């Protein structure tokens, strides 16, 4: 009798769950803004020993299947130094209701791909985040060849203040002539609270800014809400439990 009840309940579970997810507030009210309203799945992957190139080739071969399923292709890059993972994939979802629509899920399922993927992966971590509009992120990815991610766990109760600090630091970055970082805020998944991602032409573009006159940096810091540029890093560290920096290159 129990088996029969579950049989009739199962078709109802997924739609009801999706409705709850779609209706739920995506983040704390203080972390919402027009700039963090698009849903993405972030996947960090460490390749099995000797399998990195196989993993990259297999992921490339999957891109056409994304098109067929009606999914956006993941935006991805390869780490060169920093954290212990090899690849970061940023998969556009839009919303839970859209991404987990029954027809799209059915088209997305691929047992053969998963079987081929398993031997190539030693570790992976998923984090669902809200971030900037897709077109803005895609445009930056297409123009970039070098990436820098800072990913944070905030101290308890400091998530909103850390989000504000990241916005302030973006204002400072633009004020001294550097690109702003994209801000992505956790909705569910791994323990990270948010991350910022910078897209650059090359490593020299990322490393630039050291020749900005002191007066310009002081003015930009005050306009952003800091007392001085020297206080930016120390203030950020009063808000975090820990964080990771990772740099890497585009995969063509």
C-alpha atoms as a PDB file:
ATOM      1  CA  UNK A   1       0.000   0.000   0.000  1.00  0.00           C
ATOM      2  CA  UNK A   2       2.880   2.348   0.851  1.00  0.00           C
ATOM      3  CA  UNK A   3       4.531   1.668  -2.520  1.00  0.00           C
ATOM      4  CA  UNK A   4       1.363   2.563  -4.372  1.00  0.00           C
ATOM      5  CA  UNK A   5       0.959   5.824  -2.427  1.00  0.00           C
ATOM      6  CA  UNK A   6       4.501   6.882  -3.246  1.00  0.00           C
ATOM      7  CA  UNK A   7       3.938   6.039  -6.886  1.00  0.00           C
ATOM      8  CA  UNK A   8       1.088   8.542  -7.096  1.00  0.00           C
ATOM      9  CA  UNK A   9       2.829  11.147  -4.951  1.00  0.00           C
ATOM     10  CA  UNK A  10       6.139  11.196  -6.841  1.00  0.00           C
ATOM     11  CA  UNK A  11       4.816  13.071  -9.920  1.00  0.00           C
ATOM     12  CA  UNK A  12       3.624  15.789  -7.532  1.00  0.00           C
ATOM     13  CA  UNK A  13       6.833  16.165  -5.553  1.00  0.00           C
ATOM     14  CA  UNK A  14       8.989  17.784  -8.260  1.00  0.00           C
ATOM     15  CA  UNK A  15       6.458  20.459  -9.362  1.00  0.00           C
ATOM     16  CA  UNK A  16       5.659  21.360  -5.762  1.00  0.00           C
ATOM     17  CA  UNK A  17       9.349  21.548  -4.856  1.00  0.00           C
ATOM     18  CA  UNK A  18      10.062  23.759  -7.850  1.00  0.00           C
ATOM     19  CA  UNK A  19       7.201  26.035  -6.947  1.00  0.00           C
ATOM     20  CA  UNK A  20       8.609  26.437  -3.440  1.00  0.00           C
ATOM     21  CA  UNK A  21      12.069  27.204  -4.809  1.00  0.00           C
ATOM     22  CA  UNK A  22      10.730  29.680  -7.331  1.00  0.00           C
ATOM     23  CA  UNK A  23       8.659  31.478  -4.709  1.00  0.00           C
ATOM     24  CA  UNK A  24      11.378  31.549  -2.069  1.00  0.00           C
ATOM     25  CA  UNK A  25      13.404  34.709  -1.580  1.00  0.00           C
ATOM     26  CA  UNK A  26      16.677  34.096  -3.447  1.00  0.00           C
ATOM     27  CA  UNK A  27      18.802  35.857  -0.824  1.00  0.00           C
ATOM     28  CA  UNK A  28      18.643  37.925   2.298  1.00  0.00           C
ATOM     29  CA  UNK A  29      16.897  41.196   1.479  1.00  0.00           C
ATOM     30  CA  UNK A  30      20.127  43.136   2.024  1.00  0.00           C
ATOM     31  CA  UNK A  31      21.909  41.045  -0.624  1.00  0.00           C
ATOM     32  CA  UNK A  32      19.392  41.661  -3.387  1.00  0.00           C
ATOM     33  CA  UNK A  33      19.908  44.213  -6.098  1.00  0.00           C
ATOM     34  CA  UNK A  34      19.212  44.526  -9.832  1.00  0.00           C
ATOM     35  CA  UNK A  35      22.840  43.474 -10.269  1.00  0.00           C
ATOM     36  CA  UNK A  36      22.354  40.072  -8.603  1.00  0.00           C
ATOM     37  CA  UNK A  37      19.109  38.709 -10.010  1.00  0.00           C
ATOM     38  CA  UNK A  38      20.116  36.001 -12.528  1.00  0.00           C
ATOM     39  CA  UNK A  39      20.588  32.419 -11.321  1.00  0.00           C
ATOM     40  CA  UNK A  40      23.780  30.477 -12.125  1.00  0.00           C
ATOM     41  CA  UNK A  41      25.230  27.138 -11.087  1.00  0.00           C
ATOM     42  CA  UNK A  42      28.907  27.374 -10.238  1.00  0.00           C
ATOM     43  CA  UNK A  43      30.880  24.145 -10.463  1.00  0.00           C
ATOM     44  CA  UNK A  44      34.479  23.744  -9.332  1.00  0.00           C
ATOM     45  CA  UNK A  45      36.152  20.553 -10.583  1.00  0.00           C
ATOM     46  CA  UNK A  46      39.470  18.904  -9.826  1.00  0.00           C
ATOM     47  CA  UNK A  47      40.541  16.421 -12.475  1.00  0.00           C
ATOM     48  CA  UNK A  48      41.611  12.907 -11.641  1.00  0.00           C
ATOM     49  CA  UNK A  49      45.387  12.445 -11.908  1.00  0.00           C
ATOM     50  CA  UNK A  50      46.450  12.612 -15.536  1.00  0.00           C
ATOM     51  CA  UNK A  51      42.885  13.282 -16.721  1.00  0.00           C
ATOM     52  CA  UNK A  52      42.760  17.079 -17.041  1.00  0.00           C
ATOM     53  CA  UNK A  53      43.010  17.181 -20.826  1.00  0.00           C
ATOM     54  CA  UNK A  54      40.475  14.363 -21.106  1.00  0.00           C
ATOM     55  CA  UNK A  55      38.134  16.305 -18.819  1.00  0.00           C
ATOM     56  CA  UNK A  56      38.480  19.437 -20.926  1.00  0.00           C
ATOM     57  CA  UNK A  57      37.888  17.531 -24.163  1.00  0.00           C
ATOM     58  CA  UNK A  58      34.856  15.761 -22.705  1.00  0.00           C
ATOM     59  CA  UNK A  59      33.370  19.038 -21.457  1.00  0.00           C
ATOM     60  CA  UNK A  60      33.872  20.615 -24.887  1.00  0.00           C
ATOM     61  CA  UNK A  61      32.078  17.683 -26.501  1.00  0.00           C
ATOM     62  CA  UNK A  62      29.099  18.327 -24.225  1.00  0.00           C
ATOM     63  CA  UNK A  63      28.485  21.869 -25.491  1.00  0.00           C
ATOM     64  CA  UNK A  64      26.355  20.799 -28.477  1.00  0.00           C
ATOM     65  CA  UNK A  65      24.145  18.809 -26.101  1.00  0.00           C
ATOM     66  CA  UNK A  66      23.533  21.987 -24.096  1.00  0.00           C
ATOM     67  CA  UNK A  67      22.253  23.651 -27.261  1.00  0.00           C
ATOM     68  CA  UNK A  68      19.956  20.705 -28.005  1.00  0.00           C
ATOM     69  CA  UNK A  69      18.529  20.782 -24.466  1.00  0.00           C
ATOM     70  CA  UNK A  70      17.732  24.472 -24.763  1.00  0.00           C
ATOM     71  CA  UNK A  71      20.411  25.330 -22.175  1.00  0.00           C
ATOM     72  CA  UNK A  72      22.977  28.081 -22.324  1.00  0.00           C
ATOM     73  CA  UNK A  73      26.521  26.790 -22.646  1.00  0.00           C
ATOM     74  CA  UNK A  74      28.556  27.053 -19.436  1.00  0.00           C
ATOM     75  CA  UNK A  75      31.135  29.816 -19.210  1.00  0.00           C
ATOM     76  CA  UNK A  76      34.361  28.218 -18.070  1.00  0.00           C
ATOM     77  CA  UNK A  77      38.046  28.682 -17.466  1.00  0.00           C
ATOM     78  CA  UNK A  78      41.106  26.798 -16.245  1.00  0.00           C
ATOM     79  CA  UNK A  79      43.010  27.674 -13.083  1.00  0.00           C
ATOM     80  CA  UNK A  80      46.736  28.395 -13.246  1.00  0.00           C
ATOM     81  CA  UNK A  81      47.394  29.129  -9.585  1.00  0.00           C
ATOM     82  CA  UNK A  82      45.485  29.400  -6.347  1.00  0.00           C
ATOM     83  CA  UNK A  83      42.884  26.939  -5.065  1.00  0.00           C
ATOM     84  CA  UNK A  84      43.004  23.163  -5.508  1.00  0.00           C
ATOM     85  CA  UNK A  85      40.484  22.830  -8.360  1.00  0.00           C
ATOM     86  CA  UNK A  86      41.305  22.779 -12.083  1.00  0.00           C
ATOM     87  CA  UNK A  87      38.170  24.102 -13.819  1.00  0.00           C
ATOM     88  CA  UNK A  88      35.399  26.526 -12.981  1.00  0.00           C
ATOM     89  CA  UNK A  89      32.122  26.282 -14.906  1.00  0.00           C
ATOM     90  CA  UNK A  90      29.475  28.980 -14.584  1.00  0.00           C
ATOM     91  CA  UNK A  91      26.244  27.501 -15.938  1.00  0.00           C
ATOM     92  CA  UNK A  92      23.449  29.993 -16.753  1.00  0.00           C
ATOM     93  CA  UNK A  93      20.133  28.857 -15.258  1.00  0.00           C
ATOM     94  CA  UNK A  94      17.987  31.987 -15.297  1.00  0.00           C
ATOM     95  CA  UNK A  95      15.548  30.678 -12.710  1.00  0.00           C
ATOM     96  CA  UNK A  96      14.772  27.378 -11.012  1.00  0.00           C
ATOM     97  CA  UNK A  97      11.429  27.060 -12.783  1.00  0.00           C
ATOM     98  CA  UNK A  98      12.982  27.551 -16.226  1.00  0.00           C
ATOM     99  CA  UNK A  99      16.043  25.367 -15.733  1.00  0.00           C
ATOM    100  CA  UNK A 100      14.178  22.483 -14.108  1.00  0.00           C
ATOM    101  CA  UNK A 101      11.213  22.506 -16.468  1.00  0.00           C
ATOM    102  CA  UNK A 102      10.258  18.878 -17.151  1.00  0.00           C
ATOM    103  CA  UNK A 103      11.037  18.928 -20.879  1.00  0.00           C
ATOM    104  CA  UNK A 104      14.428  20.547 -20.393  1.00  0.00           C
ATOM    105  CA  UNK A 105      15.390  18.083 -17.673  1.00  0.00           C
ATOM    106  CA  UNK A 106      14.454  15.175 -19.938  1.00  0.00           C
ATOM    107  CA  UNK A 107      16.538  16.571 -22.811  1.00  0.00           C
ATOM    108  CA  UNK A 108      19.447  17.209 -20.462  1.00  0.00           C
ATOM    109  CA  UNK A 109      19.732  13.674 -19.075  1.00  0.00           C
ATOM    110  CA  UNK A 110      22.690  11.787 -20.524  1.00  0.00           C
ATOM    111  CA  UNK A 111      23.774   8.649 -18.690  1.00  0.00           C
ATOM    112  CA  UNK A 112      26.542   7.950 -21.231  1.00  0.00           C
ATOM    113  CA  UNK A 113      28.147  11.351 -20.644  1.00  0.00           C
ATOM    114  CA  UNK A 114      28.006  10.891 -16.860  1.00  0.00           C
ATOM    115  CA  UNK A 115      29.653   7.478 -17.183  1.00  0.00           C
ATOM    116  CA  UNK A 116      32.478   8.988 -19.255  1.00  0.00           C
ATOM    117  CA  UNK A 117      32.831  11.924 -16.879  1.00  0.00           C
ATOM    118  CA  UNK A 118      33.165   9.944 -13.652  1.00  0.00           C
ATOM    119  CA  UNK A 119      36.724   8.577 -14.227  1.00  0.00           C
ATOM    120  CA  UNK A 120      37.957  12.081 -15.100  1.00  0.00           C
ATOM    121  CA  UNK A 121      36.837  13.784 -11.886  1.00  0.00           C
ATOM    122  CA  UNK A 122      38.519  13.484  -8.497  1.00  0.00           C
ATOM    123  CA  UNK A 123      36.453  16.150  -6.718  1.00  0.00           C
ATOM    124  CA  UNK A 124      33.708  18.664  -7.489  1.00  0.00           C
ATOM    125  CA  UNK A 125      31.707  21.300  -5.662  1.00  0.00           C
ATOM    126  CA  UNK A 126      28.492  23.048  -6.719  1.00  0.00           C
ATOM    127  CA  UNK A 127      27.250  26.444  -5.595  1.00  0.00           C
ATOM    128  CA  UNK A 128      24.038  28.063  -6.859  1.00  0.00           C
ATOM    129  CA  UNK A 129      24.345  31.823  -6.959  1.00  0.00           C
ATOM    130  CA  UNK A 130      22.540  34.945  -8.084  1.00  0.00           C
ATOM    131  CA  UNK A 131      24.634  37.284 -10.185  1.00  0.00           C
ATOM    132  CA  UNK A 132      24.627  39.898 -12.937  1.00  0.00           C
ATOM    133  CA  UNK A 133      22.514  39.648 -16.104  1.00  0.00           C
ATOM    134  CA  UNK A 134      23.681  36.886 -18.431  1.00  0.00           C
ATOM    135  CA  UNK A 135      24.415  39.064 -21.451  1.00  0.00           C
ATOM    136  CA  UNK A 136      26.728  41.279 -19.413  1.00  0.00           C
ATOM    137  CA  UNK A 137      28.649  38.289 -18.087  1.00  0.00           C
ATOM    138  CA  UNK A 138      28.849  36.565 -21.494  1.00  0.00           C
ATOM    139  CA  UNK A 139      30.197  39.710 -23.135  1.00  0.00           C
ATOM    140  CA  UNK A 140      32.973  39.980 -20.547  1.00  0.00           C
ATOM    141  CA  UNK A 141      33.845  36.285 -20.848  1.00  0.00           C
ATOM    142  CA  UNK A 142      34.076  36.461 -24.631  1.00  0.00           C
ATOM    143  CA  UNK A 143      36.465  39.422 -24.447  1.00  0.00           C
ATOM    144  CA  UNK A 144      38.634  37.983 -21.660  1.00  0.00           C
ATOM    145  CA  UNK A 145      41.576  35.612 -21.607  1.00  0.00           C
ATOM    146  CA  UNK A 146      42.469  35.865 -17.919  1.00  0.00           C
ATOM    147  CA  UNK A 147      40.325  35.561 -14.776  1.00  0.00           C
ATOM    148  CA  UNK A 148      40.623  36.249 -11.074  1.00  0.00           C
ATOM    149  CA  UNK A 149      38.142  34.933  -8.513  1.00  0.00           C
ATOM    150  CA  UNK A 150      37.905  35.797  -4.830  1.00  0.00           C
ATOM    151  CA  UNK A 151      35.518  33.519  -2.956  1.00  0.00           C
ATOM    152  CA  UNK A 152      34.460  34.203   0.622  1.00  0.00           C
ATOM    153  CA  UNK A 153      32.952  32.755   3.771  1.00  0.00           C
ATOM    154  CA  UNK A 154      31.712  35.705   5.827  1.00  0.00           C
ATOM    155  CA  UNK A 155      31.824  35.924   9.588  1.00  0.00           C
ATOM    156  CA  UNK A 156      28.419  35.217  11.189  1.00  0.00           C
ATOM    157  CA  UNK A 157      26.039  38.092  10.548  1.00  0.00           C
ATOM    158  CA  UNK A 158      28.482  39.865   8.225  1.00  0.00           C
ATOM    159  CA  UNK A 159      27.169  38.622   4.851  1.00  0.00           C
ATOM    160  CA  UNK A 160      25.304  41.833   4.027  1.00  0.00           C
ATOM    161  CA  UNK A 161      28.207  44.043   5.092  1.00  0.00           C
ATOM    162  CA  UNK A 162      30.613  41.971   2.996  1.00  0.00           C
ATOM    163  CA  UNK A 163      28.296  42.335  -0.003  1.00  0.00           C
ATOM    164  CA  UNK A 164      28.291  46.103   0.528  1.00  0.00           C
ATOM    165  CA  UNK A 165      32.092  46.128   0.827  1.00  0.00           C
ATOM    166  CA  UNK A 166      32.406  44.312  -2.486  1.00  0.00           C
ATOM    167  CA  UNK A 167      30.208  46.964  -4.118  1.00  0.00           C
ATOM    168  CA  UNK A 168      32.317  49.722  -2.553  1.00  0.00           C
ATOM    169  CA  UNK A 169      35.486  48.090  -3.835  1.00  0.00           C
ATOM    170  CA  UNK A 170      33.992  47.968  -7.331  1.00  0.00           C
ATOM    171  CA  UNK A 171      33.369  51.717  -7.149  1.00  0.00           C
ATOM    172  CA  UNK A 172      37.004  52.164  -6.166  1.00  0.00           C
ATOM    173  CA  UNK A 173      38.192  49.900  -8.985  1.00  0.00           C
ATOM    174  CA  UNK A 174      36.278  51.885 -11.594  1.00  0.00           C
ATOM    175  CA  UNK A 175      37.526  55.120 -10.033  1.00  0.00           C
ATOM    176  CA  UNK A 176      41.145  54.184 -10.694  1.00  0.00           C
ATOM    177  CA  UNK A 177      40.403  52.938 -14.208  1.00  0.00           C
ATOM    178  CA  UNK A 178      40.199  49.192 -13.582  1.00  0.00           C
ATOM    179  CA  UNK A 179      37.359  46.819 -14.588  1.00  0.00           C
ATOM    180  CA  UNK A 180      34.669  46.156 -12.005  1.00  0.00           C
ATOM    181  CA  UNK A 181      34.293  42.630 -10.650  1.00  0.00           C
ATOM    182  CA  UNK A 182      31.097  40.636 -11.058  1.00  0.00           C
ATOM    183  CA  UNK A 183      29.482  39.815  -7.709  1.00  0.00           C
ATOM    184  CA  UNK A 184      27.737  36.452  -7.204  1.00  0.00           C
ATOM    185  CA  UNK A 185      25.762  35.724  -4.021  1.00  0.00           C
ATOM    186  CA  UNK A 186      25.075  32.245  -2.626  1.00  0.00           C
ATOM    187  CA  UNK A 187      21.549  30.850  -2.714  1.00  0.00           C
ATOM    188  CA  UNK A 188      22.318  27.219  -1.904  1.00  0.00           C
ATOM    189  CA  UNK A 189      24.973  24.560  -2.246  1.00  0.00           C
ATOM    190  CA  UNK A 190      28.535  24.773  -0.939  1.00  0.00           C
ATOM    191  CA  UNK A 191      29.437  26.858   2.115  1.00  0.00           C
ATOM    192  CA  UNK A 192      30.748  29.970   0.328  1.00  0.00           C
ATOM    193  CA  UNK A 193      28.665  33.136   0.883  1.00  0.00           C
ATOM    194  CA  UNK A 194      29.697  35.046  -2.235  1.00  0.00           C
ATOM    195  CA  UNK A 195      32.419  35.432  -4.799  1.00  0.00           C
ATOM    196  CA  UNK A 196      33.674  38.131  -7.107  1.00  0.00           C
ATOM    197  CA  UNK A 197      34.996  37.389 -10.573  1.00  0.00           C
ATOM    198  CA  UNK A 198      37.179  39.698 -12.640  1.00  0.00           C
ATOM    199  CA  UNK A 199      37.618  39.272 -16.401  1.00  0.00           C
ATOM    200  CA  UNK A 200      40.788  40.656 -17.992  1.00  0.00           C
ATOM    201  CA  UNK A 201      42.496  40.752 -21.382  1.00  0.00           C
ATOM    202  CA  UNK A 202      45.637  39.083 -20.009  1.00  0.00           C
ATOM    203  CA  UNK A 203      47.764  38.843 -16.874  1.00  0.00           C
ATOM    204  CA  UNK A 204      49.235  42.304 -17.459  1.00  0.00           C
ATOM    205  CA  UNK A 205      45.752  43.803 -17.547  1.00  0.00           C
ATOM    206  CA  UNK A 206      44.992  42.107 -14.212  1.00  0.00           C
ATOM    207  CA  UNK A 207      48.278  43.238 -12.642  1.00  0.00           C
ATOM    208  CA  UNK A 208      47.951  46.854 -13.836  1.00  0.00           C
ATOM    209  CA  UNK A 209      47.011  49.776 -11.642  1.00  0.00           C
ATOM    210  CA  UNK A 210      50.224  50.141  -9.676  1.00  0.00           C
ATOM    211  CA  UNK A 211      51.097  53.326 -11.534  1.00  0.00           C
ATOM    212  CA  UNK A 212      47.875  55.155 -10.583  1.00  0.00           C
ATOM    213  CA  UNK A 213      48.825  58.382  -8.797  1.00  0.00           C
ATOM    214  CA  UNK A 214      48.310  58.423  -5.038  1.00  0.00           C
ATOM    215  CA  UNK A 215      45.965  61.408  -5.278  1.00  0.00           C
ATOM    216  CA  UNK A 216      43.686  59.573  -7.708  1.00  0.00           C
ATOM    217  CA  UNK A 217      43.596  56.483  -5.495  1.00  0.00           C
ATOM    218  CA  UNK A 218      42.815  58.562  -2.418  1.00  0.00           C
ATOM    219  CA  UNK A 219      39.952  60.312  -4.212  1.00  0.00           C
ATOM    220  CA  UNK A 220      38.543  57.043  -5.576  1.00  0.00           C
ATOM    221  CA  UNK A 221      38.683  55.456  -2.116  1.00  0.00           C
ATOM    222  CA  UNK A 222      36.782  58.332  -0.508  1.00  0.00           C
ATOM    223  CA  UNK A 223      34.180  58.302  -3.279  1.00  0.00           C
ATOM    224  CA  UNK A 224      33.677  54.593  -2.652  1.00  0.00           C
ATOM    225  CA  UNK A 225      33.165  55.124   1.091  1.00  0.00           C
ATOM    226  CA  UNK A 226      36.622  54.161   2.383  1.00  0.00           C
ATOM    227  CA  UNK A 227      38.842  56.508   4.361  1.00  0.00           C
ATOM    228  CA  UNK A 228      41.866  55.644   2.212  1.00  0.00           C
ATOM    229  CA  UNK A 229      43.023  52.947  -0.222  1.00  0.00           C
ATOM    230  CA  UNK A 230      45.245  51.485   2.495  1.00  0.00           C
ATOM    231  CA  UNK A 231      42.177  50.547   4.544  1.00  0.00           C
ATOM    232  CA  UNK A 232      40.369  48.544   1.843  1.00  0.00           C
ATOM    233  CA  UNK A 233      42.033  45.173   2.407  1.00  0.00           C
ATOM    234  CA  UNK A 234      42.164  45.370   6.214  1.00  0.00           C
ATOM    235  CA  UNK A 235      38.476  46.370   6.394  1.00  0.00           C
ATOM    236  CA  UNK A 236      37.437  43.472   4.146  1.00  0.00           C
ATOM    237  CA  UNK A 237      39.296  41.078   6.439  1.00  0.00           C
ATOM    238  CA  UNK A 238      37.213  42.183   9.435  1.00  0.00           C
ATOM    239  CA  UNK A 239      34.171  40.706   7.649  1.00  0.00           C
ATOM    240  CA  UNK A 240      35.396  37.265   6.590  1.00  0.00           C
ATOM    241  CA  UNK A 241      36.114  33.938   8.210  1.00  0.00           C
ATOM    242  CA  UNK A 242      38.268  32.894   5.262  1.00  0.00           C
ATOM    243  CA  UNK A 243      38.601  33.228   1.513  1.00  0.00           C
ATOM    244  CA  UNK A 244      40.446  31.895  -1.532  1.00  0.00           C
ATOM    245  CA  UNK A 245      42.010  33.633  -4.520  1.00  0.00           C
ATOM    246  CA  UNK A 246      42.441  31.795  -7.803  1.00  0.00           C
ATOM    247  CA  UNK A 247      43.704  32.983 -11.170  1.00  0.00           C
ATOM    248  CA  UNK A 248      43.457  31.307 -14.531  1.00  0.00           C
ATOM    249  CA  UNK A 249      43.060  31.440 -18.285  1.00  0.00           C
ATOM    250  CA  UNK A 250      40.360  31.067 -20.887  1.00  0.00           C
ATOM    251  CA  UNK A 251      39.754  27.712 -22.586  1.00  0.00           C
ATOM    252  CA  UNK A 252      39.467  28.167 -26.334  1.00  0.00           C
END
